[in-house]
Amino acid sequence: MKHIPTFESFLGETTLEEGATISGKRIDDAVHAAEYAFWSEVAGSFPEVKTGDFSPSDSVKLQKAMKEAILSWVKINS
């Protein structure tokens, strides 16, 4: 089983299996795009909800989980 670092240990860029690298900026960009798509789907599923408030601490937790999931997915599939 190969070790997959968490995003906290992800400094600058990480080398993947084939020698390619992935930068923290690419992961951050993917998180922002995915988070926007996620909330768009949630809002579309609940048209009766009129605001988009979400706890800042829960937002940080969501972004952390998304970064870890993206890094894991990229490492496993590269």
PDB file of N, CA and C in Angstrom:
ATOM      1  N   MET A   1       0.844  -1.170   0.000  1.00  0.00           N
ATOM      2  CA  MET A   1       0.000   0.000   0.000  1.00  0.00           C
ATOM      3  C   MET A   1       0.891   1.234   0.000  1.00  0.00           C
ATOM      4  N   LYS A   2       0.653   2.152  -0.937  1.00  0.00           N
ATOM      5  CA  LYS A   2       1.507   3.332  -0.991  1.00  0.00           C
ATOM      6  C   LYS A   2       1.020   4.418  -0.041  1.00  0.00           C
ATOM      7  N   HIS A   3       1.982   5.163   0.501  1.00  0.00           N
ATOM      8  CA  HIS A   3       1.676   6.239   1.434  1.00  0.00           C
ATOM      9  C   HIS A   3       1.126   7.423   0.662  1.00  0.00           C
ATOM     10  N   ILE A   4       0.036   7.998   1.160  1.00  0.00           N
ATOM     11  CA  ILE A   4      -0.555   9.185   0.548  1.00  0.00           C
ATOM     12  C   ILE A   4      -0.498  10.302   1.583  1.00  0.00           C
ATOM     13  N   PRO A   5       0.315  11.322   1.317  1.00  0.00           N
ATOM     14  CA  PRO A   5       0.410  12.403   2.298  1.00  0.00           C
ATOM     15  C   PRO A   5      -0.882  13.209   2.343  1.00  0.00           C
ATOM     16  N   THR A   6      -1.159  13.799   3.493  1.00  0.00           N
ATOM     17  CA  THR A   6      -2.306  14.694   3.587  1.00  0.00           C
ATOM     18  C   THR A   6      -1.885  16.058   3.064  1.00  0.00           C
ATOM     19  N   PHE A   7      -2.854  16.921   2.834  1.00  0.00           N
ATOM     20  CA  PHE A   7      -2.506  18.215   2.267  1.00  0.00           C
ATOM     21  C   PHE A   7      -1.679  19.057   3.227  1.00  0.00           C
ATOM     22  N   GLU A   8      -1.726  18.777   4.541  1.00  0.00           N
ATOM     23  CA  GLU A   8      -0.903  19.537   5.476  1.00  0.00           C
ATOM     24  C   GLU A   8       0.581  19.327   5.204  1.00  0.00           C
ATOM     25  N   SER A   9       0.962  18.133   4.741  1.00  0.00           N
ATOM     26  CA  SER A   9       2.368  17.857   4.462  1.00  0.00           C
ATOM     27  C   SER A   9       2.722  18.156   3.006  1.00  0.00           C
ATOM     28  N   PHE A  10       1.799  18.716   2.283  1.00  0.00           N
ATOM     29  CA  PHE A  10       1.944  18.977   0.858  1.00  0.00           C
ATOM     30  C   PHE A  10       2.543  20.366   0.675  1.00  0.00           C
ATOM     31  N   LEU A  11       3.858  20.454   0.522  1.00  0.00           N
ATOM     32  CA  LEU A  11       4.531  21.737   0.400  1.00  0.00           C
ATOM     33  C   LEU A  11       4.945  21.983  -1.035  1.00  0.00           C
ATOM     34  N   GLY A  12       4.356  22.967  -1.674  1.00  0.00           N
ATOM     35  CA  GLY A  12       4.726  23.313  -3.032  1.00  0.00           C
ATOM     36  C   GLY A  12       4.195  22.350  -4.054  1.00  0.00           C
ATOM     37  N   GLU A  13       4.868  21.228  -4.205  1.00  0.00           N
ATOM     38  CA  GLU A  13       4.406  20.229  -5.164  1.00  0.00           C
ATOM     39  C   GLU A  13       4.839  18.842  -4.722  1.00  0.00           C
ATOM     40  N   THR A  14       4.149  17.851  -5.254  1.00  0.00           N
ATOM     41  CA  THR A  14       4.428  16.455  -4.931  1.00  0.00           C
ATOM     42  C   THR A  14       4.703  15.712  -6.217  1.00  0.00           C
ATOM     43  N   THR A  15       5.673  14.814  -6.189  1.00  0.00           N
ATOM     44  CA  THR A  15       5.978  14.001  -7.357  1.00  0.00           C
ATOM     45  C   THR A  15       5.082  12.776  -7.357  1.00  0.00           C
ATOM     46  N   LEU A  16       4.452  12.530  -8.488  1.00  0.00           N
ATOM     47  CA  LEU A  16       3.563  11.386  -8.632  1.00  0.00           C
ATOM     48  C   LEU A  16       4.345  10.189  -9.142  1.00  0.00           C
ATOM     49  N   GLU A  17       3.686   9.064  -9.284  1.00  0.00           N
ATOM     50  CA  GLU A  17       4.331   7.810  -9.680  1.00  0.00           C
ATOM     51  C   GLU A  17       5.146   7.912 -10.969  1.00  0.00           C
ATOM     52  N   GLU A  18       4.633   8.585 -11.966  1.00  0.00           N
ATOM     53  CA  GLU A  18       5.299   8.648 -13.264  1.00  0.00           C
ATOM     54  C   GLU A  18       6.276   9.814 -13.370  1.00  0.00           C
ATOM     55  N   GLY A  19       6.618  10.443 -12.260  1.00  0.00           N
ATOM     56  CA  GLY A  19       7.561  11.548 -12.280  1.00  0.00           C
ATOM     57  C   GLY A  19       6.909  12.897 -12.510  1.00  0.00           C
ATOM     58  N   ALA A  20       5.596  12.925 -12.764  1.00  0.00           N
ATOM     59  CA  ALA A  20       4.889  14.189 -12.930  1.00  0.00           C
ATOM     60  C   ALA A  20       4.724  14.821 -11.546  1.00  0.00           C
ATOM     61  N   THR A  21       4.508  16.111 -11.521  1.00  0.00           N
ATOM     62  CA  THR A  21       4.291  16.785 -10.246  1.00  0.00           C
ATOM     63  C   THR A  21       2.927  17.458 -10.244  1.00  0.00           C
ATOM     64  N   ILE A  22       2.422  17.668  -9.056  1.00  0.00           N
ATOM     65  CA  ILE A  22       1.158  18.382  -8.895  1.00  0.00           C
ATOM     66  C   ILE A  22       1.382  19.451  -7.838  1.00  0.00           C
ATOM     67  N   SER A  23       0.946  20.664  -8.132  1.00  0.00           N
ATOM     68  CA  SER A  23       1.182  21.775  -7.216  1.00  0.00           C
ATOM     69  C   SER A  23       0.004  21.969  -6.274  1.00  0.00           C
ATOM     70  N   GLY A  24       0.290  22.621  -5.155  1.00  0.00           N
ATOM     71  CA  GLY A  24      -0.760  22.979  -4.216  1.00  0.00           C
ATOM     72  C   GLY A  24      -1.788  23.892  -4.845  1.00  0.00           C
ATOM     73  N   LYS A  25      -1.342  24.760  -5.768  1.00  0.00           N
ATOM     74  CA  LYS A  25      -2.276  25.666  -6.448  1.00  0.00           C
ATOM     75  C   LYS A  25      -3.277  24.885  -7.288  1.00  0.00           C
ATOM     76  N   ARG A  26      -2.828  23.840  -7.963  1.00  0.00           N
ATOM     77  CA  ARG A  26      -3.759  23.031  -8.768  1.00  0.00           C
ATOM     78  C   ARG A  26      -4.800  22.371  -7.885  1.00  0.00           C
ATOM     79  N   ILE A  27      -4.380  21.891  -6.719  1.00  0.00           N
ATOM     80  CA  ILE A  27      -5.334  21.285  -5.796  1.00  0.00           C
ATOM     81  C   ILE A  27      -6.296  22.350  -5.274  1.00  0.00           C
ATOM     82  N   ASP A  28      -5.769  23.506  -4.893  1.00  0.00           N
ATOM     83  CA  ASP A  28      -6.637  24.589  -4.418  1.00  0.00           C
ATOM     84  C   ASP A  28      -7.641  25.005  -5.489  1.00  0.00           C
ATOM     85  N   ASP A  29      -7.185  25.119  -6.730  1.00  0.00           N
ATOM     86  CA  ASP A  29      -8.097  25.480  -7.835  1.00  0.00           C
ATOM     87  C   ASP A  29      -9.190  24.433  -8.012  1.00  0.00           C
ATOM     88  N   ALA A  30      -8.822  23.159  -7.906  1.00  0.00           N
ATOM     89  CA  ALA A  30      -9.806  22.079  -8.035  1.00  0.00           C
ATOM     90  C   ALA A  30     -10.802  22.121  -6.888  1.00  0.00           C
ATOM     91  N   VAL A  31     -10.322  22.404  -5.677  1.00  0.00           N
ATOM     92  CA  VAL A  31     -11.214  22.503  -4.516  1.00  0.00           C
ATOM     93  C   VAL A  31     -12.219  23.630  -4.717  1.00  0.00           C
ATOM     94  N   HIS A  32     -11.748  24.786  -5.155  1.00  0.00           N
ATOM     95  CA  HIS A  32     -12.658  25.924  -5.345  1.00  0.00           C
ATOM     96  C   HIS A  32     -13.713  25.620  -6.404  1.00  0.00           C
ATOM     97  N   ALA A  33     -13.305  25.012  -7.511  1.00  0.00           N
ATOM     98  CA  ALA A  33     -14.258  24.663  -8.570  1.00  0.00           C
ATOM     99  C   ALA A  33     -15.257  23.609  -8.087  1.00  0.00           C
ATOM    100  N   ALA A  34     -14.755  22.616  -7.359  1.00  0.00           N
ATOM    101  CA  ALA A  34     -15.630  21.547  -6.861  1.00  0.00           C
ATOM    102  C   ALA A  34     -16.588  22.069  -5.797  1.00  0.00           C
ATOM    103  N   GLU A  35     -16.104  22.959  -4.945  1.00  0.00           N
ATOM    104  CA  GLU A  35     -16.961  23.518  -3.901  1.00  0.00           C
ATOM    105  C   GLU A  35     -18.084  24.347  -4.521  1.00  0.00           C
ATOM    106  N   TYR A  36     -17.759  25.123  -5.534  1.00  0.00           N
ATOM    107  CA  TYR A  36     -18.781  25.913  -6.233  1.00  0.00           C
ATOM    108  C   TYR A  36     -19.826  24.995  -6.863  1.00  0.00           C
ATOM    109  N   ALA A  37     -19.379  23.940  -7.538  1.00  0.00           N
ATOM    110  CA  ALA A  37     -20.303  22.993  -8.164  1.00  0.00           C
ATOM    111  C   ALA A  37     -21.155  22.287  -7.109  1.00  0.00           C
ATOM    112  N   PHE A  38     -20.542  21.906  -5.999  1.00  0.00           N
ATOM    113  CA  PHE A  38     -21.256  21.242  -4.910  1.00  0.00           C
ATOM    114  C   PHE A  38     -22.389  22.121  -4.394  1.00  0.00           C
ATOM    115  N   TRP A  39     -22.074  23.382  -4.044  1.00  0.00           N
ATOM    116  CA  TRP A  39     -23.098  24.261  -3.489  1.00  0.00           C
ATOM    117  C   TRP A  39     -24.145  24.633  -4.524  1.00  0.00           C
ATOM    118  N   SER A  40     -23.772  24.686  -5.790  1.00  0.00           N
ATOM    119  CA  SER A  40     -24.767  24.928  -6.854  1.00  0.00           C
ATOM    120  C   SER A  40     -25.778  23.795  -6.905  1.00  0.00           C
ATOM    121  N   GLU A  41     -25.290  22.565  -6.777  1.00  0.00           N
ATOM    122  CA  GLU A  41     -26.185  21.399  -6.766  1.00  0.00           C
ATOM    123  C   GLU A  41     -27.058  21.390  -5.520  1.00  0.00           C
ATOM    124  N   VAL A  42     -26.480  21.711  -4.378  1.00  0.00           N
ATOM    125  CA  VAL A  42     -27.255  21.753  -3.134  1.00  0.00           C
ATOM    126  C   VAL A  42     -28.352  22.807  -3.248  1.00  0.00           C
ATOM    127  N   ALA A  43     -27.999  23.998  -3.698  1.00  0.00           N
ATOM    128  CA  ALA A  43     -28.983  25.077  -3.839  1.00  0.00           C
ATOM    129  C   ALA A  43     -30.078  24.701  -4.828  1.00  0.00           C
ATOM    130  N   GLY A  44     -29.710  24.032  -5.915  1.00  0.00           N
ATOM    131  CA  GLY A  44     -30.699  23.595  -6.889  1.00  0.00           C
ATOM    132  C   GLY A  44     -31.650  22.543  -6.348  1.00  0.00           C
ATOM    133  N   SER A  45     -31.186  21.776  -5.391  1.00  0.00           N
ATOM    134  CA  SER A  45     -32.015  20.733  -4.785  1.00  0.00           C
ATOM    135  C   SER A  45     -32.974  21.280  -3.733  1.00  0.00           C
ATOM    136  N   PHE A  46     -32.703  22.488  -3.255  1.00  0.00           N
ATOM    137  CA  PHE A  46     -33.528  23.106  -2.213  1.00  0.00           C
ATOM    138  C   PHE A  46     -33.908  24.534  -2.627  1.00  0.00           C
ATOM    139  N   PRO A  47     -34.733  24.680  -3.676  1.00  0.00           N
ATOM    140  CA  PRO A  47     -35.066  26.021  -4.173  1.00  0.00           C
ATOM    141  C   PRO A  47     -35.816  26.883  -3.160  1.00  0.00           C
ATOM    142  N   GLU A  48     -36.414  26.255  -2.153  1.00  0.00           N
ATOM    143  CA  GLU A  48     -37.138  27.024  -1.137  1.00  0.00           C
ATOM    144  C   GLU A  48     -36.208  27.747  -0.168  1.00  0.00           C
ATOM    145  N   VAL A  49     -34.932  27.352  -0.115  1.00  0.00           N
ATOM    146  CA  VAL A  49     -33.959  27.996   0.770  1.00  0.00           C
ATOM    147  C   VAL A  49     -33.516  29.299   0.112  1.00  0.00           C
ATOM    148  N   LYS A  50     -33.609  30.385   0.852  1.00  0.00           N
ATOM    149  CA  LYS A  50     -33.381  31.714   0.276  1.00  0.00           C
ATOM    150  C   LYS A  50     -31.992  32.292   0.538  1.00  0.00           C
ATOM    151  N   THR A  51     -31.221  31.720   1.475  1.00  0.00           N
ATOM    152  CA  THR A  51     -29.881  32.236   1.750  1.00  0.00           C
ATOM    153  C   THR A  51     -28.854  31.130   1.548  1.00  0.00           C
ATOM    154  N   GLY A  52     -27.593  31.493   1.576  1.00  0.00           N
ATOM    155  CA  GLY A  52     -26.534  30.515   1.372  1.00  0.00           C
ATOM    156  C   GLY A  52     -25.547  30.471   2.507  1.00  0.00           C
ATOM    157  N   ASP A  53     -26.013  30.759   3.715  1.00  0.00           N
ATOM    158  CA  ASP A  53     -25.128  30.801   4.874  1.00  0.00           C
ATOM    159  C   ASP A  53     -24.583  29.415   5.211  1.00  0.00           C
ATOM    160  N   PHE A  54     -23.329  29.387   5.645  1.00  0.00           N
ATOM    161  CA  PHE A  54     -22.683  28.153   6.075  1.00  0.00           C
ATOM    162  C   PHE A  54     -21.624  28.536   7.099  1.00  0.00           C
ATOM    163  N   SER A  55     -21.534  27.793   8.160  1.00  0.00           N
ATOM    164  CA  SER A  55     -20.596  28.076   9.242  1.00  0.00           C
ATOM    165  C   SER A  55     -19.157  28.144   8.725  1.00  0.00           C
ATOM    166  N   PRO A  56     -18.412  29.192   9.103  1.00  0.00           N
ATOM    167  CA  PRO A  56     -17.006  29.269   8.692  1.00  0.00           C
ATOM    168  C   PRO A  56     -16.184  28.062   9.134  1.00  0.00           C
ATOM    169  N   SER A  57     -16.427  27.557  10.336  1.00  0.00           N
ATOM    170  CA  SER A  57     -15.647  26.402  10.790  1.00  0.00           C
ATOM    171  C   SER A  57     -16.009  25.153   9.990  1.00  0.00           C
ATOM    172  N   ASP A  58     -17.280  25.006   9.625  1.00  0.00           N
ATOM    173  CA  ASP A  58     -17.671  23.871   8.785  1.00  0.00           C
ATOM    174  C   ASP A  58     -17.129  24.024   7.366  1.00  0.00           C
ATOM    175  N   SER A  59     -17.015  25.256   6.906  1.00  0.00           N
ATOM    176  CA  SER A  59     -16.440  25.509   5.584  1.00  0.00           C
ATOM    177  C   SER A  59     -14.977  25.072   5.538  1.00  0.00           C
ATOM    178  N   VAL A  60     -14.233  25.369   6.596  1.00  0.00           N
ATOM    179  CA  VAL A  60     -12.826  24.948   6.680  1.00  0.00           C
ATOM    180  C   VAL A  60     -12.734  23.425   6.682  1.00  0.00           C
ATOM    181  N   LYS A  61     -13.614  22.765   7.441  1.00  0.00           N
ATOM    182  CA  LYS A  61     -13.622  21.297   7.483  1.00  0.00           C
ATOM    183  C   LYS A  61     -13.927  20.704   6.119  1.00  0.00           C
ATOM    184  N   LEU A  62     -14.894  21.293   5.406  1.00  0.00           N
ATOM    185  CA  LEU A  62     -15.251  20.811   4.073  1.00  0.00           C
ATOM    186  C   LEU A  62     -14.073  20.961   3.114  1.00  0.00           C
ATOM    187  N   GLN A  63     -13.440  22.117   3.112  1.00  0.00           N
ATOM    188  CA  GLN A  63     -12.292  22.339   2.225  1.00  0.00           C
ATOM    189  C   GLN A  63     -11.147  21.387   2.547  1.00  0.00           C
ATOM    190  N   LYS A  64     -10.899  21.133   3.825  1.00  0.00           N
ATOM    191  CA  LYS A  64      -9.836  20.199   4.219  1.00  0.00           C
ATOM    192  C   LYS A  64     -10.148  18.799   3.694  1.00  0.00           C
ATOM    193  N   ALA A  65     -11.382  18.353   3.871  1.00  0.00           N
ATOM    194  CA  ALA A  65     -11.776  17.024   3.397  1.00  0.00           C
ATOM    195  C   ALA A  65     -11.675  16.938   1.874  1.00  0.00           C
ATOM    196  N   MET A  66     -12.053  18.008   1.179  1.00  0.00           N
ATOM    197  CA  MET A  66     -11.975  18.004  -0.276  1.00  0.00           C
ATOM    198  C   MET A  66     -10.517  17.944  -0.744  1.00  0.00           C
ATOM    199  N   LYS A  67      -9.627  18.694  -0.087  1.00  0.00           N
ATOM    200  CA  LYS A  67      -8.208  18.666  -0.454  1.00  0.00           C
ATOM    201  C   LYS A  67      -7.628  17.270  -0.259  1.00  0.00           C
ATOM    202  N   GLU A  68      -7.946  16.655   0.862  1.00  0.00           N
ATOM    203  CA  GLU A  68      -7.441  15.308   1.127  1.00  0.00           C
ATOM    204  C   GLU A  68      -7.985  14.318   0.102  1.00  0.00           C
ATOM    205  N   ALA A  69      -9.263  14.429  -0.234  1.00  0.00           N
ATOM    206  CA  ALA A  69      -9.871  13.524  -1.213  1.00  0.00           C
ATOM    207  C   ALA A  69      -9.256  13.710  -2.599  1.00  0.00           C
ATOM    208  N   ILE A  70      -9.042  14.953  -2.999  1.00  0.00           N
ATOM    209  CA  ILE A  70      -8.458  15.223  -4.320  1.00  0.00           C
ATOM    210  C   ILE A  70      -7.033  14.702  -4.382  1.00  0.00           C
ATOM    211  N   LEU A  71      -6.233  14.977  -3.365  1.00  0.00           N
ATOM    212  CA  LEU A  71      -4.848  14.500  -3.363  1.00  0.00           C
ATOM    213  C   LEU A  71      -4.803  12.981  -3.396  1.00  0.00           C
ATOM    214  N   SER A  72      -5.644  12.341  -2.620  1.00  0.00           N
ATOM    215  CA  SER A  72      -5.706  10.876  -2.613  1.00  0.00           C
ATOM    216  C   SER A  72      -6.109  10.350  -3.987  1.00  0.00           C
ATOM    217  N   TRP A  73      -7.117  10.937  -4.587  1.00  0.00           N
ATOM    218  CA  TRP A  73      -7.604  10.508  -5.901  1.00  0.00           C
ATOM    219  C   TRP A  73      -6.517  10.652  -6.966  1.00  0.00           C
ATOM    220  N   VAL A  74      -5.824  11.796  -6.956  1.00  0.00           N
ATOM    221  CA  VAL A  74      -4.761  12.027  -7.944  1.00  0.00           C
ATOM    222  C   VAL A  74      -3.626  11.019  -7.759  1.00  0.00           C
ATOM    223  N   LYS A  75      -3.206  10.807  -6.513  1.00  0.00           N
ATOM    224  CA  LYS A  75      -2.106   9.873  -6.265  1.00  0.00           C
ATOM    225  C   LYS A  75      -2.469   8.445  -6.662  1.00  0.00           C
ATOM    226  N   ILE A  76      -3.671   8.020  -6.329  1.00  0.00           N
ATOM    227  CA  ILE A  76      -4.087   6.654  -6.633  1.00  0.00           C
ATOM    228  C   ILE A  76      -4.251   6.437  -8.139  1.00  0.00           C
ATOM    229  N   ASN A  77      -4.670   7.470  -8.834  1.00  0.00           N
ATOM    230  CA  ASN A  77      -4.975   7.319 -10.263  1.00  0.00           C
ATOM    231  C   ASN A  77      -3.879   7.812 -11.194  1.00  0.00           C
ATOM    232  N   SER A  78      -2.719   8.133 -10.663  1.00  0.00           N
ATOM    233  CA  SER A  78      -1.635   8.597 -11.536  1.00  0.00           C
ATOM    234  C   SER A  78      -0.642   7.479 -11.788  1.00  0.00           C
TER     235      SER A  78
END
